[in-house]
Amino acid sequence: MLVAKNPAKKGILTCGTGIGASIAVNKIPGIKAALVHDEKEAILSIEHKNANVLVLGGRPFNKKKVKKILLAWLDAEFQGGRHARRINKIEKIEKKYNHEII
């Protein structure tokens, strides 16, 4: 929840495949979690989508690969521009459908 309330914060989640964690955390308003598999996806998740949570599946990776992915993600910067317009569209969807479903 701290990540959702503070744009300067980032979070990292892991689970067996990363799929369940990414589905669950993306239910929280303000969270933009990206399930990534390599450094390129980690970089793009920040540059293009401004992801604030990195999700990794623990099973497919070794420590060396995880470290490379983490460093790439932490060093990447959001590019803004056309990507900001896309994120605004996503945020509008989030606001429209962010209500309690019974």
N, C-alpha and C. Protein backbone atom coordinates (compact mmCIF):
# COMPACT_ATOMS: atom_id res chain seq x y z
N MET A 1 0.81 -1.19 0.00
CA MET A 1 0.00 0.00 0.00
C MET A 1 0.86 1.26 0.00
N LEU A 2 2.04 1.21 0.60
CA LEU A 2 2.91 2.38 0.60
C LEU A 2 3.28 2.79 -0.81
N VAL A 3 3.49 1.81 -1.67
CA VAL A 3 3.86 2.10 -3.06
C VAL A 3 2.71 2.81 -3.76
N ALA A 4 1.50 2.37 -3.56
CA ALA A 4 0.34 2.98 -4.21
C ALA A 4 0.14 4.42 -3.76
N LYS A 5 0.48 4.74 -2.52
CA LYS A 5 0.26 6.07 -1.96
C LYS A 5 1.43 7.02 -2.20
N ASN A 6 2.58 6.51 -2.57
CA ASN A 6 3.77 7.34 -2.73
C ASN A 6 4.44 7.03 -4.06
N PRO A 7 4.31 7.93 -5.04
CA PRO A 7 4.88 7.67 -6.37
C PRO A 7 6.39 7.46 -6.38
N ALA A 8 7.08 7.90 -5.35
CA ALA A 8 8.53 7.74 -5.31
C ALA A 8 8.95 6.35 -4.86
N LYS A 9 8.03 5.59 -4.34
CA LYS A 9 8.34 4.25 -3.83
C LYS A 9 8.20 3.20 -4.92
N LYS A 10 8.97 2.13 -4.76
CA LYS A 10 8.88 0.98 -5.65
C LYS A 10 8.81 -0.27 -4.79
N GLY A 11 8.21 -1.31 -5.35
CA GLY A 11 8.10 -2.57 -4.64
C GLY A 11 8.55 -3.72 -5.52
N ILE A 12 8.94 -4.80 -4.88
CA ILE A 12 9.37 -6.01 -5.59
C ILE A 12 8.66 -7.19 -4.94
N LEU A 13 8.03 -8.02 -5.78
CA LEU A 13 7.33 -9.21 -5.31
C LEU A 13 7.85 -10.43 -6.05
N THR A 14 7.82 -11.56 -5.36
CA THR A 14 8.15 -12.83 -6.01
C THR A 14 7.16 -13.89 -5.55
N CYS A 15 6.96 -14.85 -6.40
CA CYS A 15 6.25 -16.07 -6.04
C CYS A 15 6.73 -17.14 -7.02
N GLY A 16 6.18 -18.31 -6.96
CA GLY A 16 6.68 -19.40 -7.80
C GLY A 16 6.81 -19.02 -9.26
N THR A 17 5.73 -18.56 -9.86
CA THR A 17 5.77 -18.14 -11.27
C THR A 17 5.70 -16.63 -11.43
N GLY A 18 5.23 -15.94 -10.41
CA GLY A 18 5.03 -14.50 -10.49
C GLY A 18 3.65 -14.12 -10.99
N ILE A 19 2.93 -15.06 -11.55
CA ILE A 19 1.62 -14.78 -12.13
C ILE A 19 0.61 -14.39 -11.06
N GLY A 20 0.50 -15.21 -10.03
CA GLY A 20 -0.46 -14.93 -8.96
C GLY A 20 -0.18 -13.61 -8.26
N ALA A 21 1.09 -13.35 -7.98
CA ALA A 21 1.45 -12.10 -7.31
C ALA A 21 1.11 -10.90 -8.18
N SER A 22 1.36 -10.99 -9.48
CA SER A 22 1.08 -9.84 -10.35
C SER A 22 -0.42 -9.60 -10.48
N ILE A 23 -1.21 -10.67 -10.57
CA ILE A 23 -2.66 -10.51 -10.64
C ILE A 23 -3.18 -9.86 -9.36
N ALA A 24 -2.74 -10.37 -8.22
CA ALA A 24 -3.23 -9.87 -6.93
C ALA A 24 -2.85 -8.42 -6.69
N VAL A 25 -1.60 -8.08 -6.88
CA VAL A 25 -1.15 -6.72 -6.55
C VAL A 25 -1.73 -5.68 -7.51
N ASN A 26 -2.01 -6.07 -8.74
CA ASN A 26 -2.61 -5.13 -9.69
C ASN A 26 -4.07 -4.81 -9.36
N LYS A 27 -4.64 -5.47 -8.37
CA LYS A 27 -5.99 -5.14 -7.90
C LYS A 27 -5.98 -3.90 -7.01
N ILE A 28 -4.82 -3.50 -6.53
CA ILE A 28 -4.70 -2.35 -5.64
C ILE A 28 -4.61 -1.08 -6.48
N PRO A 29 -5.54 -0.14 -6.27
CA PRO A 29 -5.49 1.11 -7.03
C PRO A 29 -4.14 1.81 -6.86
N GLY A 30 -3.61 2.31 -7.95
CA GLY A 30 -2.33 3.01 -7.92
C GLY A 30 -1.13 2.12 -8.16
N ILE A 31 -1.33 0.82 -8.17
CA ILE A 31 -0.24 -0.11 -8.43
C ILE A 31 -0.18 -0.42 -9.92
N LYS A 32 1.03 -0.35 -10.44
CA LYS A 32 1.29 -0.76 -11.82
C LYS A 32 2.41 -1.80 -11.75
N ALA A 33 2.01 -3.05 -11.56
CA ALA A 33 2.97 -4.14 -11.41
C ALA A 33 3.26 -4.78 -12.75
N ALA A 34 4.52 -5.10 -12.97
CA ALA A 34 4.94 -5.74 -14.21
C ALA A 34 5.64 -7.06 -13.90
N LEU A 35 5.14 -8.12 -14.47
CA LEU A 35 5.79 -9.43 -14.39
C LEU A 35 6.80 -9.49 -15.52
N VAL A 36 8.07 -9.55 -15.17
CA VAL A 36 9.13 -9.52 -16.19
C VAL A 36 9.98 -10.78 -16.14
N HIS A 37 10.62 -11.05 -17.27
CA HIS A 37 11.41 -12.27 -17.41
C HIS A 37 12.87 -12.03 -17.76
N ASP A 38 13.19 -10.78 -18.11
CA ASP A 38 14.57 -10.46 -18.46
C ASP A 38 14.82 -8.97 -18.27
N GLU A 39 16.07 -8.55 -18.48
CA GLU A 39 16.44 -7.16 -18.27
C GLU A 39 15.68 -6.21 -19.20
N LYS A 40 15.52 -6.60 -20.46
CA LYS A 40 14.84 -5.74 -21.43
C LYS A 40 13.40 -5.45 -20.99
N GLU A 41 12.68 -6.49 -20.58
CA GLU A 41 11.31 -6.28 -20.09
C GLU A 41 11.30 -5.41 -18.84
N ALA A 42 12.29 -5.58 -17.98
CA ALA A 42 12.38 -4.77 -16.76
C ALA A 42 12.55 -3.29 -17.11
N ILE A 43 13.42 -3.02 -18.05
CA ILE A 43 13.66 -1.64 -18.48
C ILE A 43 12.41 -1.05 -19.12
N LEU A 44 11.79 -1.80 -20.03
CA LEU A 44 10.60 -1.30 -20.71
C LEU A 44 9.43 -1.09 -19.75
N SER A 45 9.36 -1.91 -18.71
CA SER A 45 8.26 -1.76 -17.75
C SER A 45 8.32 -0.40 -17.05
N ILE A 46 9.51 0.14 -16.93
CA ILE A 46 9.68 1.48 -16.35
C ILE A 46 9.59 2.54 -17.44
N GLU A 47 10.39 2.39 -18.50
CA GLU A 47 10.45 3.42 -19.54
C GLU A 47 9.09 3.68 -20.19
N HIS A 48 8.33 2.63 -20.45
CA HIS A 48 7.07 2.78 -21.18
C HIS A 48 5.83 2.76 -20.30
N LYS A 49 5.86 2.04 -19.19
CA LYS A 49 4.66 1.88 -18.36
C LYS A 49 4.79 2.47 -16.96
N ASN A 50 5.98 2.93 -16.61
CA ASN A 50 6.23 3.51 -15.29
C ASN A 50 5.77 2.58 -14.17
N ALA A 51 6.08 1.30 -14.31
CA ALA A 51 5.70 0.30 -13.31
C ALA A 51 6.30 0.68 -11.96
N ASN A 52 5.50 0.52 -10.91
CA ASN A 52 6.02 0.81 -9.57
C ASN A 52 6.21 -0.45 -8.73
N VAL A 53 5.87 -1.59 -9.31
CA VAL A 53 6.13 -2.87 -8.65
C VAL A 53 6.69 -3.84 -9.69
N LEU A 54 7.80 -4.44 -9.36
CA LEU A 54 8.42 -5.47 -10.19
C LEU A 54 8.02 -6.83 -9.63
N VAL A 55 7.55 -7.70 -10.50
CA VAL A 55 7.17 -9.05 -10.07
C VAL A 55 8.06 -10.05 -10.81
N LEU A 56 8.63 -10.96 -10.04
CA LEU A 56 9.49 -12.01 -10.59
C LEU A 56 8.99 -13.37 -10.14
N GLY A 57 9.02 -14.30 -11.04
CA GLY A 57 8.77 -15.69 -10.68
C GLY A 57 10.06 -16.29 -10.17
N GLY A 58 10.02 -16.91 -9.02
CA GLY A 58 11.23 -17.45 -8.42
C GLY A 58 11.76 -18.70 -9.08
N ARG A 59 10.88 -19.52 -9.60
CA ARG A 59 11.30 -20.81 -10.16
C ARG A 59 12.21 -20.70 -11.38
N PRO A 60 11.90 -19.81 -12.33
CA PRO A 60 12.70 -19.85 -13.55
C PRO A 60 14.05 -19.14 -13.48
N PHE A 61 14.39 -18.49 -12.37
CA PHE A 61 15.59 -17.66 -12.35
C PHE A 61 16.64 -18.15 -11.36
N ASN A 62 17.89 -17.85 -11.69
CA ASN A 62 18.97 -18.04 -10.72
C ASN A 62 19.34 -16.66 -10.16
N LYS A 63 20.15 -16.63 -9.12
CA LYS A 63 20.48 -15.38 -8.44
C LYS A 63 21.14 -14.37 -9.37
N LYS A 64 22.00 -14.83 -10.24
CA LYS A 64 22.72 -13.93 -11.15
C LYS A 64 21.74 -13.21 -12.08
N LYS A 65 20.79 -13.95 -12.63
CA LYS A 65 19.82 -13.34 -13.54
C LYS A 65 18.90 -12.38 -12.79
N VAL A 66 18.47 -12.76 -11.59
CA VAL A 66 17.61 -11.88 -10.79
C VAL A 66 18.32 -10.57 -10.49
N LYS A 67 19.58 -10.64 -10.15
CA LYS A 67 20.35 -9.42 -9.86
C LYS A 67 20.41 -8.51 -11.08
N LYS A 68 20.64 -9.07 -12.25
CA LYS A 68 20.68 -8.27 -13.48
C LYS A 68 19.34 -7.60 -13.75
N ILE A 69 18.26 -8.36 -13.56
CA ILE A 69 16.91 -7.81 -13.77
C ILE A 69 16.64 -6.68 -12.77
N LEU A 70 16.95 -6.91 -11.51
CA LEU A 70 16.72 -5.89 -10.47
C LEU A 70 17.49 -4.61 -10.75
N LEU A 71 18.76 -4.74 -11.08
CA LEU A 71 19.58 -3.56 -11.35
C LEU A 71 19.07 -2.81 -12.58
N ALA A 72 18.68 -3.54 -13.62
CA ALA A 72 18.14 -2.89 -14.82
C ALA A 72 16.87 -2.13 -14.48
N TRP A 73 15.99 -2.74 -13.69
CA TRP A 73 14.72 -2.11 -13.32
C TRP A 73 14.94 -0.87 -12.46
N LEU A 74 15.83 -0.98 -11.49
CA LEU A 74 16.08 0.15 -10.59
C LEU A 74 16.78 1.31 -11.28
N ASP A 75 17.56 1.03 -12.32
CA ASP A 75 18.28 2.08 -13.04
C ASP A 75 17.44 2.75 -14.13
N ALA A 76 16.38 2.11 -14.56
CA ALA A 76 15.56 2.64 -15.66
C ALA A 76 14.77 3.86 -15.21
N GLU A 77 14.45 4.72 -16.18
CA GLU A 77 13.67 5.92 -15.89
C GLU A 77 12.51 6.02 -16.87
N PHE A 78 11.39 6.51 -16.38
CA PHE A 78 10.20 6.69 -17.20
C PHE A 78 10.48 7.73 -18.28
N GLN A 79 10.07 7.44 -19.52
CA GLN A 79 10.35 8.33 -20.64
C GLN A 79 9.29 9.40 -20.85
N GLY A 80 8.12 9.22 -20.29
CA GLY A 80 7.06 10.22 -20.46
C GLY A 80 6.57 10.27 -21.90
N GLY A 81 6.19 11.46 -22.38
CA GLY A 81 5.73 11.64 -23.75
C GLY A 81 4.53 10.78 -24.08
N ARG A 82 4.63 10.07 -25.21
CA ARG A 82 3.50 9.24 -25.64
C ARG A 82 3.16 8.16 -24.62
N HIS A 83 4.16 7.74 -23.86
CA HIS A 83 3.94 6.73 -22.83
C HIS A 83 3.08 7.29 -21.69
N ALA A 84 3.27 8.56 -21.37
CA ALA A 84 2.46 9.20 -20.32
C ALA A 84 1.00 9.25 -20.75
N ARG A 85 0.76 9.52 -22.02
CA ARG A 85 -0.62 9.55 -22.51
C ARG A 85 -1.27 8.17 -22.37
N ARG A 86 -0.52 7.13 -22.65
CA ARG A 86 -1.05 5.77 -22.51
C ARG A 86 -1.35 5.45 -21.04
N ILE A 87 -0.48 5.86 -20.17
CA ILE A 87 -0.69 5.61 -18.74
C ILE A 87 -1.92 6.37 -18.25
N ASN A 88 -2.12 7.58 -18.75
CA ASN A 88 -3.33 8.33 -18.39
C ASN A 88 -4.58 7.58 -18.79
N LYS A 89 -4.56 6.92 -19.94
CA LYS A 89 -5.70 6.12 -20.38
C LYS A 89 -5.94 4.96 -19.41
N ILE A 90 -4.87 4.31 -19.00
CA ILE A 90 -4.97 3.19 -18.05
C ILE A 90 -5.54 3.69 -16.72
N GLU A 91 -5.06 4.84 -16.26
CA GLU A 91 -5.54 5.39 -14.99
C GLU A 91 -7.02 5.76 -15.06
N LYS A 92 -7.48 6.23 -16.21
CA LYS A 92 -8.91 6.53 -16.37
C LYS A 92 -9.74 5.25 -16.24
N ILE A 93 -9.26 4.17 -16.82
CA ILE A 93 -9.95 2.88 -16.70
C ILE A 93 -9.99 2.45 -15.24
N GLU A 94 -8.84 2.58 -14.57
CA GLU A 94 -8.76 2.21 -13.15
C GLU A 94 -9.77 3.00 -12.32
N LYS A 95 -9.85 4.31 -12.55
CA LYS A 95 -10.78 5.15 -11.79
C LYS A 95 -12.23 4.80 -12.11
N LYS A 96 -12.51 4.52 -13.37
CA LYS A 96 -13.88 4.20 -13.78
C LYS A 96 -14.38 2.93 -13.12
N TYR A 97 -13.52 1.93 -13.03
CA TYR A 97 -13.95 0.63 -12.53
C TYR A 97 -13.51 0.35 -11.10
N ASN A 98 -12.93 1.33 -10.43
CA ASN A 98 -12.47 1.15 -9.06
C ASN A 98 -13.62 1.41 -8.08
N HIS A 99 -14.43 0.40 -7.92
CA HIS A 99 -15.51 0.46 -6.94
C HIS A 99 -15.74 -0.96 -6.44
N GLU A 100 -16.36 -1.05 -5.33
CA GLU A 100 -16.58 -2.36 -4.72
C GLU A 100 -17.60 -3.16 -5.52
N ILE A 101 -17.20 -4.34 -5.92
CA ILE A 101 -18.10 -5.24 -6.65
C ILE A 101 -18.64 -6.26 -5.66
N ILE A 102 -19.94 -6.35 -5.60
CA ILE A 102 -20.57 -7.29 -4.66
C ILE A 102 -21.15 -8.45 -5.43
